[in-house]
Amino acid sequence: MFQLTALYNHPEDVAAFDTHYDTVHAPLARKIPGLARFTVSRPAPGPDGAAPAYHLVAVLEFPDAAAFQSGMGGEEGQAAVADLENFAGAGVSLLTGPSDQI
């Protein structure tokens, strides 16, 4: 598998971020060709009550690097990337690479 992990910083307006993510961005991402799995997590405070480092973590999995490149390079992938500027003003870190189930 090959994955894209998106780590979203804490937004100033949580409700606006969540509404846009859930109703606009996630549906765009689900349309990316070759996408095998898409998970989203909104981390809770740690065992010590400390705030999580990120507001939202999304993981998109593709069968291989070629499927990732094709999907993200296509119209649907580019639309999802372009949409980041509409809601992720607090910042997002994108990590890509092969993944293995252990």
PDB file of N, CA and C in Angstrom:
ATOM      1  N   MET A   1       0.843  -1.188   0.000  1.00  0.00           N
ATOM      2  CA  MET A   1       0.000   0.000   0.000  1.00  0.00           C
ATOM      3  C   MET A   1       0.887   1.250   0.000  1.00  0.00           C
ATOM      4  N   PHE A   2       0.298   2.336  -0.420  1.00  0.00           N
ATOM      5  CA  PHE A   2       0.969   3.639  -0.418  1.00  0.00           C
ATOM      6  C   PHE A   2      -0.023   4.615   0.203  1.00  0.00           C
ATOM      7  N   GLN A   3       0.447   5.445   1.110  1.00  0.00           N
ATOM      8  CA  GLN A   3      -0.512   6.305   1.790  1.00  0.00           C
ATOM      9  C   GLN A   3      -0.121   7.772   1.813  1.00  0.00           C
ATOM     10  N   LEU A   4      -1.157   8.582   1.940  1.00  0.00           N
ATOM     11  CA  LEU A   4      -1.042  10.019   2.169  1.00  0.00           C
ATOM     12  C   LEU A   4      -1.646  10.263   3.540  1.00  0.00           C
ATOM     13  N   THR A   5      -0.870  10.854   4.440  1.00  0.00           N
ATOM     14  CA  THR A   5      -1.361  11.223   5.760  1.00  0.00           C
ATOM     15  C   THR A   5      -1.405  12.741   5.828  1.00  0.00           C
ATOM     16  N   ALA A   6      -2.562  13.283   6.187  1.00  0.00           N
ATOM     17  CA  ALA A   6      -2.746  14.725   6.320  1.00  0.00           C
ATOM     18  C   ALA A   6      -2.952  15.047   7.800  1.00  0.00           C
ATOM     19  N   LEU A   7      -2.064  15.896   8.339  1.00  0.00           N
ATOM     20  CA  LEU A   7      -2.123  16.294   9.747  1.00  0.00           C
ATOM     21  C   LEU A   7      -2.565  17.750   9.802  1.00  0.00           C
ATOM     22  N   TYR A   8      -3.794  17.982  10.220  1.00  0.00           N
ATOM     23  CA  TYR A   8      -4.367  19.331  10.229  1.00  0.00           C
ATOM     24  C   TYR A   8      -4.168  19.992  11.592  1.00  0.00           C
ATOM     25  N   ASN A   9      -3.575  21.186  11.572  1.00  0.00           N
ATOM     26  CA  ASN A   9      -3.405  21.960  12.797  1.00  0.00           C
ATOM     27  C   ASN A   9      -4.766  22.406  13.323  1.00  0.00           C
ATOM     28  N   HIS A  10      -4.781  22.834  14.578  1.00  0.00           N
ATOM     29  CA  HIS A  10      -6.019  23.292  15.201  1.00  0.00           C
ATOM     30  C   HIS A  10      -6.493  24.592  14.556  1.00  0.00           C
ATOM     31  N   PRO A  11      -7.707  24.593  14.012  1.00  0.00           N
ATOM     32  CA  PRO A  11      -8.234  25.804  13.367  1.00  0.00           C
ATOM     33  C   PRO A  11      -8.752  26.804  14.400  1.00  0.00           C
ATOM     34  N   GLU A  12      -8.826  28.055  13.984  1.00  0.00           N
ATOM     35  CA  GLU A  12      -9.418  29.074  14.858  1.00  0.00           C
ATOM     36  C   GLU A  12     -10.910  28.825  15.035  1.00  0.00           C
ATOM     37  N   ASP A  13     -11.604  28.487  13.954  1.00  0.00           N
ATOM     38  CA  ASP A  13     -13.043  28.237  13.992  1.00  0.00           C
ATOM     39  C   ASP A  13     -13.276  26.746  13.736  1.00  0.00           C
ATOM     40  N   VAL A  14     -13.370  25.990  14.822  1.00  0.00           N
ATOM     41  CA  VAL A  14     -13.496  24.530  14.722  1.00  0.00           C
ATOM     42  C   VAL A  14     -14.770  24.132  13.983  1.00  0.00           C
ATOM     43  N   ALA A  15     -15.878  24.778  14.295  1.00  0.00           N
ATOM     44  CA  ALA A  15     -17.150  24.415  13.663  1.00  0.00           C
ATOM     45  C   ALA A  15     -17.099  24.633  12.147  1.00  0.00           C
ATOM     46  N   ALA A  16     -16.535  25.760  11.713  1.00  0.00           N
ATOM     47  CA  ALA A  16     -16.436  26.027  10.273  1.00  0.00           C
ATOM     48  C   ALA A  16     -15.508  25.013   9.604  1.00  0.00           C
ATOM     49  N   PHE A  17     -14.382  24.703  10.238  1.00  0.00           N
ATOM     50  CA  PHE A  17     -13.452  23.716   9.683  1.00  0.00           C
ATOM     51  C   PHE A  17     -14.153  22.366   9.525  1.00  0.00           C
ATOM     52  N   ASP A  18     -14.769  21.896  10.610  1.00  0.00           N
ATOM     53  CA  ASP A  18     -15.396  20.573  10.586  1.00  0.00           C
ATOM     54  C   ASP A  18     -16.521  20.498   9.555  1.00  0.00           C
ATOM     55  N   THR A  19     -17.323  21.549   9.464  1.00  0.00           N
ATOM     56  CA  THR A  19     -18.418  21.560   8.487  1.00  0.00           C
ATOM     57  C   THR A  19     -17.857  21.482   7.070  1.00  0.00           C
ATOM     58  N   HIS A  20     -16.846  22.287   6.765  1.00  0.00           N
ATOM     59  CA  HIS A  20     -16.268  22.258   5.417  1.00  0.00           C
ATOM     60  C   HIS A  20     -15.612  20.900   5.147  1.00  0.00           C
ATOM     61  N   TYR A  21     -14.865  20.393   6.113  1.00  0.00           N
ATOM     62  CA  TYR A  21     -14.183  19.116   5.910  1.00  0.00           C
ATOM     63  C   TYR A  21     -15.202  18.012   5.619  1.00  0.00           C
ATOM     64  N   ASP A  22     -16.236  17.935   6.459  1.00  0.00           N
ATOM     65  CA  ASP A  22     -17.198  16.839   6.353  1.00  0.00           C
ATOM     66  C   ASP A  22     -18.113  16.946   5.131  1.00  0.00           C
ATOM     67  N   THR A  23     -18.465  18.167   4.729  1.00  0.00           N
ATOM     68  CA  THR A  23     -19.454  18.320   3.655  1.00  0.00           C
ATOM     69  C   THR A  23     -18.859  18.627   2.284  1.00  0.00           C
ATOM     70  N   VAL A  24     -17.608  19.133   2.258  1.00  0.00           N
ATOM     71  CA  VAL A  24     -16.987  19.484   0.978  1.00  0.00           C
ATOM     72  C   VAL A  24     -15.711  18.678   0.728  1.00  0.00           C
ATOM     73  N   HIS A  25     -14.749  18.773   1.652  1.00  0.00           N
ATOM     74  CA  HIS A  25     -13.437  18.192   1.388  1.00  0.00           C
ATOM     75  C   HIS A  25     -13.453  16.662   1.364  1.00  0.00           C
ATOM     76  N   ALA A  26     -14.036  16.043   2.369  1.00  0.00           N
ATOM     77  CA  ALA A  26     -14.061  14.573   2.395  1.00  0.00           C
ATOM     78  C   ALA A  26     -14.771  13.999   1.162  1.00  0.00           C
ATOM     79  N   PRO A  27     -15.917  14.555   0.743  1.00  0.00           N
ATOM     80  CA  PRO A  27     -16.536  14.036  -0.482  1.00  0.00           C
ATOM     81  C   PRO A  27     -15.635  14.195  -1.718  1.00  0.00           C
ATOM     82  N   LEU A  28     -14.867  15.300  -1.789  1.00  0.00           N
ATOM     83  CA  LEU A  28     -13.914  15.453  -2.897  1.00  0.00           C
ATOM     84  C   LEU A  28     -12.858  14.348  -2.839  1.00  0.00           C
ATOM     85  N   ALA A  29     -12.324  14.111  -1.663  1.00  0.00           N
ATOM     86  CA  ALA A  29     -11.264  13.106  -1.512  1.00  0.00           C
ATOM     87  C   ALA A  29     -11.772  11.709  -1.851  1.00  0.00           C
ATOM     88  N   ARG A  30     -13.008  11.406  -1.461  1.00  0.00           N
ATOM     89  CA  ARG A  30     -13.561  10.072  -1.743  1.00  0.00           C
ATOM     90  C   ARG A  30     -13.666   9.794  -3.236  1.00  0.00           C
ATOM     91  N   LYS A  31     -13.683  10.839  -4.066  1.00  0.00           N
ATOM     92  CA  LYS A  31     -13.802  10.672  -5.519  1.00  0.00           C
ATOM     93  C   LYS A  31     -12.461  10.394  -6.207  1.00  0.00           C
ATOM     94  N   ILE A  32     -11.346  10.448  -5.472  1.00  0.00           N
ATOM     95  CA  ILE A  32     -10.035  10.263  -6.102  1.00  0.00           C
ATOM     96  C   ILE A  32      -9.919   8.826  -6.631  1.00  0.00           C
ATOM     97  N   PRO A  33      -9.669   8.671  -7.919  1.00  0.00           N
ATOM     98  CA  PRO A  33      -9.543   7.324  -8.482  1.00  0.00           C
ATOM     99  C   PRO A  33      -8.402   6.550  -7.831  1.00  0.00           C
ATOM    100  N   GLY A  34      -8.640   5.281  -7.612  1.00  0.00           N
ATOM    101  CA  GLY A  34      -7.616   4.411  -7.039  1.00  0.00           C
ATOM    102  C   GLY A  34      -7.597   4.396  -5.530  1.00  0.00           C
ATOM    103  N   LEU A  35      -8.373   5.236  -4.877  1.00  0.00           N
ATOM    104  CA  LEU A  35      -8.394   5.284  -3.423  1.00  0.00           C
ATOM    105  C   LEU A  35      -8.973   3.982  -2.885  1.00  0.00           C
ATOM    106  N   ALA A  36      -8.187   3.291  -2.071  1.00  0.00           N
ATOM    107  CA  ALA A  36      -8.611   2.003  -1.533  1.00  0.00           C
ATOM    108  C   ALA A  36      -9.243   2.141  -0.149  1.00  0.00           C
ATOM    109  N   ARG A  37      -8.778   3.125   0.630  1.00  0.00           N
ATOM    110  CA  ARG A  37      -9.273   3.301   1.994  1.00  0.00           C
ATOM    111  C   ARG A  37      -9.038   4.748   2.412  1.00  0.00           C
ATOM    112  N   PHE A  38      -9.972   5.302   3.183  1.00  0.00           N
ATOM    113  CA  PHE A  38      -9.902   6.688   3.632  1.00  0.00           C
ATOM    114  C   PHE A  38     -10.417   6.731   5.061  1.00  0.00           C
ATOM    115  N   THR A  39      -9.539   7.062   6.006  1.00  0.00           N
ATOM    116  CA  THR A  39      -9.948   7.147   7.410  1.00  0.00           C
ATOM    117  C   THR A  39      -9.663   8.539   7.945  1.00  0.00           C
ATOM    118  N   VAL A  40     -10.494   8.961   8.885  1.00  0.00           N
ATOM    119  CA  VAL A  40     -10.357  10.262   9.518  1.00  0.00           C
ATOM    120  C   VAL A  40     -10.432  10.073  11.023  1.00  0.00           C
ATOM    121  N   SER A  41      -9.554  10.787  11.731  1.00  0.00           N
ATOM    122  CA  SER A  41      -9.559  10.752  13.189  1.00  0.00           C
ATOM    123  C   SER A  41      -9.495  12.175  13.717  1.00  0.00           C
ATOM    124  N   ARG A  42     -10.289  12.442  14.721  1.00  0.00           N
ATOM    125  CA  ARG A  42     -10.211  13.714  15.447  1.00  0.00           C
ATOM    126  C   ARG A  42      -9.669  13.353  16.827  1.00  0.00           C
ATOM    127  N   PRO A  43      -8.348  13.491  17.009  1.00  0.00           N
ATOM    128  CA  PRO A  43      -7.715  13.017  18.233  1.00  0.00           C
ATOM    129  C   PRO A  43      -8.305  13.652  19.500  1.00  0.00           C
ATOM    130  N   ALA A  44      -8.395  12.835  20.534  1.00  0.00           N
ATOM    131  CA  ALA A  44      -8.867  13.272  21.845  1.00  0.00           C
ATOM    132  C   ALA A  44      -7.656  13.668  22.697  1.00  0.00           C
ATOM    133  N   PRO A  45      -7.897  14.322  23.817  1.00  0.00           N
ATOM    134  CA  PRO A  45      -6.780  14.642  24.716  1.00  0.00           C
ATOM    135  C   PRO A  45      -6.046  13.361  25.132  1.00  0.00           C
ATOM    136  N   GLY A  46      -4.758  13.504  25.415  1.00  0.00           N
ATOM    137  CA  GLY A  46      -3.953  12.369  25.834  1.00  0.00           C
ATOM    138  C   GLY A  46      -4.342  11.877  27.227  1.00  0.00           C
ATOM    139  N   PRO A  47      -3.752  10.775  27.676  1.00  0.00           N
ATOM    140  CA  PRO A  47      -4.072  10.213  28.995  1.00  0.00           C
ATOM    141  C   PRO A  47      -3.852  11.208  30.135  1.00  0.00           C
ATOM    142  N   ASP A  48      -2.948  12.149  29.921  1.00  0.00           N
ATOM    143  CA  ASP A  48      -2.671  13.152  30.955  1.00  0.00           C
ATOM    144  C   ASP A  48      -3.537  14.393  30.796  1.00  0.00           C
ATOM    145  N   GLY A  49      -4.471  14.373  29.829  1.00  0.00           N
ATOM    146  CA  GLY A  49      -5.352  15.507  29.594  1.00  0.00           C
ATOM    147  C   GLY A  49      -4.783  16.551  28.643  1.00  0.00           C
ATOM    148  N   ALA A  50      -3.564  16.341  28.173  1.00  0.00           N
ATOM    149  CA  ALA A  50      -2.927  17.307  27.270  1.00  0.00           C
ATOM    150  C   ALA A  50      -3.666  17.343  25.939  1.00  0.00           C
ATOM    151  N   ALA A  51      -3.756  18.532  25.369  1.00  0.00           N
ATOM    152  CA  ALA A  51      -4.402  18.694  24.065  1.00  0.00           C
ATOM    153  C   ALA A  51      -3.617  17.928  23.005  1.00  0.00           C
ATOM    154  N   PRO A  52      -4.316  17.327  22.046  1.00  0.00           N
ATOM    155  CA  PRO A  52      -3.612  16.626  20.968  1.00  0.00           C
ATOM    156  C   PRO A  52      -2.860  17.612  20.085  1.00  0.00           C
ATOM    157  N   ALA A  53      -1.836  17.135  19.431  1.00  0.00           N
ATOM    158  CA  ALA A  53      -1.014  17.987  18.563  1.00  0.00           C
ATOM    159  C   ALA A  53      -1.775  18.442  17.314  1.00  0.00           C
ATOM    160  N   TYR A  54      -2.757  17.660  16.879  1.00  0.00           N
ATOM    161  CA  TYR A  54      -3.488  17.979  15.657  1.00  0.00           C
ATOM    162  C   TYR A  54      -4.987  17.911  15.889  1.00  0.00           C
ATOM    163  N   HIS A  55      -5.721  18.693  15.116  1.00  0.00           N
ATOM    164  CA  HIS A  55      -7.179  18.689  15.199  1.00  0.00           C
ATOM    165  C   HIS A  55      -7.759  17.479  14.476  1.00  0.00           C
ATOM    166  N   LEU A  56      -7.187  17.162  13.306  1.00  0.00           N
ATOM    167  CA  LEU A  56      -7.721  16.079  12.494  1.00  0.00           C
ATOM    168  C   LEU A  56      -6.570  15.388  11.768  1.00  0.00           C
ATOM    169  N   VAL A  57      -6.670  14.080  11.662  1.00  0.00           N
ATOM    170  CA  VAL A  57      -5.687  13.285  10.929  1.00  0.00           C
ATOM    171  C   VAL A  57      -6.459  12.452   9.905  1.00  0.00           C
ATOM    172  N   ALA A  58      -6.085  12.598   8.642  1.00  0.00           N
ATOM    173  CA  ALA A  58      -6.719  11.822   7.574  1.00  0.00           C
ATOM    174  C   ALA A  58      -5.659  10.940   6.924  1.00  0.00           C
ATOM    175  N   VAL A  59      -6.039   9.707   6.641  1.00  0.00           N
ATOM    176  CA  VAL A  59      -5.135   8.773   5.971  1.00  0.00           C
ATOM    177  C   VAL A  59      -5.843   8.229   4.741  1.00  0.00           C
ATOM    178  N   LEU A  60      -5.226   8.472   3.587  1.00  0.00           N
ATOM    179  CA  LEU A  60      -5.747   7.966   2.320  1.00  0.00           C
ATOM    180  C   LEU A  60      -4.789   6.885   1.838  1.00  0.00           C
ATOM    181  N   GLU A  61      -5.315   5.708   1.566  1.00  0.00           N
ATOM    182  CA  GLU A  61      -4.475   4.588   1.138  1.00  0.00           C
ATOM    183  C   GLU A  61      -4.785   4.202  -0.305  1.00  0.00           C
ATOM    184  N   PHE A  62      -3.726   3.914  -1.019  1.00  0.00           N
ATOM    185  CA  PHE A  62      -3.792   3.508  -2.420  1.00  0.00           C
ATOM    186  C   PHE A  62      -3.069   2.162  -2.564  1.00  0.00           C
ATOM    187  N   PRO A  63      -3.412   1.370  -3.570  1.00  0.00           N
ATOM    188  CA  PRO A  63      -2.765   0.069  -3.729  1.00  0.00           C
ATOM    189  C   PRO A  63      -1.247   0.150  -3.884  1.00  0.00           C
ATOM    190  N   ASP A  64      -0.762   1.208  -4.540  1.00  0.00           N
ATOM    191  CA  ASP A  64       0.680   1.350  -4.761  1.00  0.00           C
ATOM    192  C   ASP A  64       0.991   2.798  -5.131  1.00  0.00           C
ATOM    193  N   ALA A  65       2.276   3.097  -5.278  1.00  0.00           N
ATOM    194  CA  ALA A  65       2.704   4.463  -5.593  1.00  0.00           C
ATOM    195  C   ALA A  65       2.158   4.944  -6.940  1.00  0.00           C
ATOM    196  N   ALA A  66       2.053   4.047  -7.905  1.00  0.00           N
ATOM    197  CA  ALA A  66       1.537   4.437  -9.222  1.00  0.00           C
ATOM    198  C   ALA A  66       0.072   4.869  -9.123  1.00  0.00           C
ATOM    199  N   ALA A  67      -0.724   4.136  -8.354  1.00  0.00           N
ATOM    200  CA  ALA A  67      -2.132   4.497  -8.171  1.00  0.00           C
ATOM    201  C   ALA A  67      -2.245   5.836  -7.439  1.00  0.00           C
ATOM    202  N   PHE A  68      -1.374   6.058  -6.463  1.00  0.00           N
ATOM    203  CA  PHE A  68      -1.340   7.335  -5.749  1.00  0.00           C
ATOM    204  C   PHE A  68      -1.028   8.481  -6.709  1.00  0.00           C
ATOM    205  N   GLN A  69       0.025   8.326  -7.493  1.00  0.00           N
ATOM    206  CA  GLN A  69       0.428   9.377  -8.435  1.00  0.00           C
ATOM    207  C   GLN A  69      -0.675   9.666  -9.444  1.00  0.00           C
ATOM    208  N   SER A  70      -1.277   8.622  -9.959  1.00  0.00           N
ATOM    209  CA  SER A  70      -2.343   8.787 -10.941  1.00  0.00           C
ATOM    210  C   SER A  70      -3.560   9.469 -10.317  1.00  0.00           C
ATOM    211  N   GLY A  71      -3.977   8.994  -9.164  1.00  0.00           N
ATOM    212  CA  GLY A  71      -5.153   9.563  -8.504  1.00  0.00           C
ATOM    213  C   GLY A  71      -4.957  11.004  -8.084  1.00  0.00           C
ATOM    214  N   MET A  72      -3.828  11.296  -7.456  1.00  0.00           N
ATOM    215  CA  MET A  72      -3.575  12.649  -6.973  1.00  0.00           C
ATOM    216  C   MET A  72      -3.256  13.597  -8.125  1.00  0.00           C
ATOM    217  N   GLY A  73      -2.716  13.079  -9.219  1.00  0.00           N
ATOM    218  CA  GLY A  73      -2.382  13.912 -10.364  1.00  0.00           C
ATOM    219  C   GLY A  73      -3.563  14.195 -11.267  1.00  0.00           C
ATOM    220  N   GLY A  74      -4.634  13.425 -11.074  1.00  0.00           N
ATOM    221  CA  GLY A  74      -5.817  13.607 -11.900  1.00  0.00           C
ATOM    222  C   GLY A  74      -6.692  14.751 -11.423  1.00  0.00           C
ATOM    223  N   GLU A  75      -7.765  14.967 -12.138  1.00  0.00           N
ATOM    224  CA  GLU A  75      -8.683  16.075 -11.856  1.00  0.00           C
ATOM    225  C   GLU A  75      -9.231  16.025 -10.427  1.00  0.00           C
ATOM    226  N   GLU A  76      -9.636  14.846  -9.963  1.00  0.00           N
ATOM    227  CA  GLU A  76     -10.221  14.721  -8.634  1.00  0.00           C
ATOM    228  C   GLU A  76      -9.197  14.993  -7.541  1.00  0.00           C
ATOM    229  N   GLY A  77      -7.979  14.461  -7.707  1.00  0.00           N
ATOM    230  CA  GLY A  77      -6.927  14.697  -6.722  1.00  0.00           C
ATOM    231  C   GLY A  77      -6.526  16.158  -6.655  1.00  0.00           C
ATOM    232  N   GLN A  78      -6.435  16.789  -7.811  1.00  0.00           N
ATOM    233  CA  GLN A  78      -6.067  18.204  -7.851  1.00  0.00           C
ATOM    234  C   GLN A  78      -7.172  19.075  -7.245  1.00  0.00           C
ATOM    235  N   ALA A  79      -8.427  18.690  -7.418  1.00  0.00           N
ATOM    236  CA  ALA A  79      -9.532  19.435  -6.812  1.00  0.00           C
ATOM    237  C   ALA A  79      -9.460  19.351  -5.287  1.00  0.00           C
ATOM    238  N   ALA A  80      -9.125  18.182  -4.759  1.00  0.00           N
ATOM    239  CA  ALA A  80      -8.999  18.030  -3.306  1.00  0.00           C
ATOM    240  C   ALA A  80      -7.842  18.870  -2.770  1.00  0.00           C
ATOM    241  N   VAL A  81      -6.718  18.866  -3.477  1.00  0.00           N
ATOM    242  CA  VAL A  81      -5.563  19.670  -3.049  1.00  0.00           C
ATOM    243  C   VAL A  81      -5.904  21.162  -3.111  1.00  0.00           C
ATOM    244  N   ALA A  82      -6.561  21.591  -4.172  1.00  0.00           N
ATOM    245  CA  ALA A  82      -6.923  23.005  -4.319  1.00  0.00           C
ATOM    246  C   ALA A  82      -7.887  23.453  -3.224  1.00  0.00           C
ATOM    247  N   ASP A  83      -8.704  22.540  -2.740  1.00  0.00           N
ATOM    248  CA  ASP A  83      -9.686  22.885  -1.709  1.00  0.00           C
ATOM    249  C   ASP A  83      -9.041  23.186  -0.358  1.00  0.00           C
ATOM    250  N   LEU A  84      -7.812  22.749  -0.129  1.00  0.00           N
ATOM    251  CA  LEU A  84      -7.150  22.995   1.157  1.00  0.00           C
ATOM    252  C   LEU A  84      -7.138  24.475   1.521  1.00  0.00           C
ATOM    253  N   GLU A  85      -6.950  25.335   0.536  1.00  0.00           N
ATOM    254  CA  GLU A  85      -6.891  26.774   0.820  1.00  0.00           C
ATOM    255  C   GLU A  85      -8.231  27.326   1.301  1.00  0.00           C
ATOM    256  N   ASN A  86      -9.306  26.580   1.115  1.00  0.00           N
ATOM    257  CA  ASN A  86     -10.629  27.037   1.519  1.00  0.00           C
ATOM    258  C   ASN A  86     -10.950  26.797   2.992  1.00  0.00           C
ATOM    259  N   PHE A  87     -10.163  25.949   3.671  1.00  0.00           N
ATOM    260  CA  PHE A  87     -10.507  25.658   5.066  1.00  0.00           C
ATOM    261  C   PHE A  87      -9.312  25.371   5.974  1.00  0.00           C
ATOM    262  N   ALA A  88      -8.150  25.096   5.423  1.00  0.00           N
ATOM    263  CA  ALA A  88      -7.001  24.674   6.230  1.00  0.00           C
ATOM    264  C   ALA A  88      -6.014  25.813   6.466  1.00  0.00           C
ATOM    265  N   GLY A  89      -6.530  26.983   6.796  1.00  0.00           N
ATOM    266  CA  GLY A  89      -5.681  28.149   6.999  1.00  0.00           C
ATOM    267  C   GLY A  89      -4.713  28.031   8.159  1.00  0.00           C
ATOM    268  N   ALA A  90      -5.020  27.180   9.122  1.00  0.00           N
ATOM    269  CA  ALA A  90      -4.124  26.983  10.269  1.00  0.00           C
ATOM    270  C   ALA A  90      -2.931  26.109   9.901  1.00  0.00           C
ATOM    271  N   GLY A  91      -2.992  25.487   8.735  1.00  0.00           N
ATOM    272  CA  GLY A  91      -1.883  24.661   8.256  1.00  0.00           C
ATOM    273  C   GLY A  91      -2.192  23.183   8.252  1.00  0.00           C
ATOM    274  N   VAL A  92      -1.555  22.494   7.322  1.00  0.00           N
ATOM    275  CA  VAL A  92      -1.673  21.052   7.199  1.00  0.00           C
ATOM    276  C   VAL A  92      -0.322  20.513   6.747  1.00  0.00           C
ATOM    277  N   SER A  93       0.096  19.417   7.347  1.00  0.00           N
ATOM    278  CA  SER A  93       1.318  18.714   6.927  1.00  0.00           C
ATOM    279  C   SER A  93       0.888  17.468   6.168  1.00  0.00           C
ATOM    280  N   LEU A  94       1.461  17.287   4.967  1.00  0.00           N
ATOM    281  CA  LEU A  94       1.139  16.125   4.143  1.00  0.00           C
ATOM    282  C   LEU A  94       2.364  15.214   4.091  1.00  0.00           C
ATOM    283  N   LEU A  95       2.170  13.961   4.461  1.00  0.00           N
ATOM    284  CA  LEU A  95       3.226  12.960   4.458  1.00  0.00           C
ATOM    285  C   LEU A  95       2.818  11.839   3.516  1.00  0.00           C
ATOM    286  N   THR A  96       3.735  11.379   2.683  1.00  0.00           N
ATOM    287  CA  THR A  96       3.436  10.287   1.772  1.00  0.00           C
ATOM    288  C   THR A  96       4.519   9.223   1.853  1.00  0.00           C
ATOM    289  N   GLY A  97       4.111   8.004   1.550  1.00  0.00           N
ATOM    290  CA  GLY A  97       5.086   6.923   1.507  1.00  0.00           C
ATOM    291  C   GLY A  97       4.416   5.569   1.577  1.00  0.00           C
ATOM    292  N   PRO A  98       5.221   4.535   1.382  1.00  0.00           N
ATOM    293  CA  PRO A  98       4.690   3.177   1.457  1.00  0.00           C
ATOM    294  C   PRO A  98       4.260   2.848   2.884  1.00  0.00           C
ATOM    295  N   SER A  99       3.260   1.985   3.009  1.00  0.00           N
ATOM    296  CA  SER A  99       2.811   1.566   4.327  1.00  0.00           C
ATOM    297  C   SER A  99       2.643   0.053   4.344  1.00  0.00           C
ATOM    298  N   ASP A 100       2.851  -0.510   5.500  1.00  0.00           N
ATOM    299  CA  ASP A 100       2.709  -1.941   5.706  1.00  0.00           C
ATOM    300  C   ASP A 100       1.839  -2.185   6.929  1.00  0.00           C
ATOM    301  N   GLN A 101       1.029  -3.230   6.869  1.00  0.00           N
ATOM    302  CA  GLN A 101       0.276  -3.634   8.041  1.00  0.00           C
ATOM    303  C   GLN A 101       1.158  -4.563   8.862  1.00  0.00           C
ATOM    304  N   ILE A 102       1.288  -4.258  10.129  1.00  0.00           N
ATOM    305  CA  ILE A 102       2.197  -5.038  10.988  1.00  0.00           C
ATOM    306  C   ILE A 102       1.393  -5.853  11.987  1.00  0.00           C
TER     307      ILE A 102
END
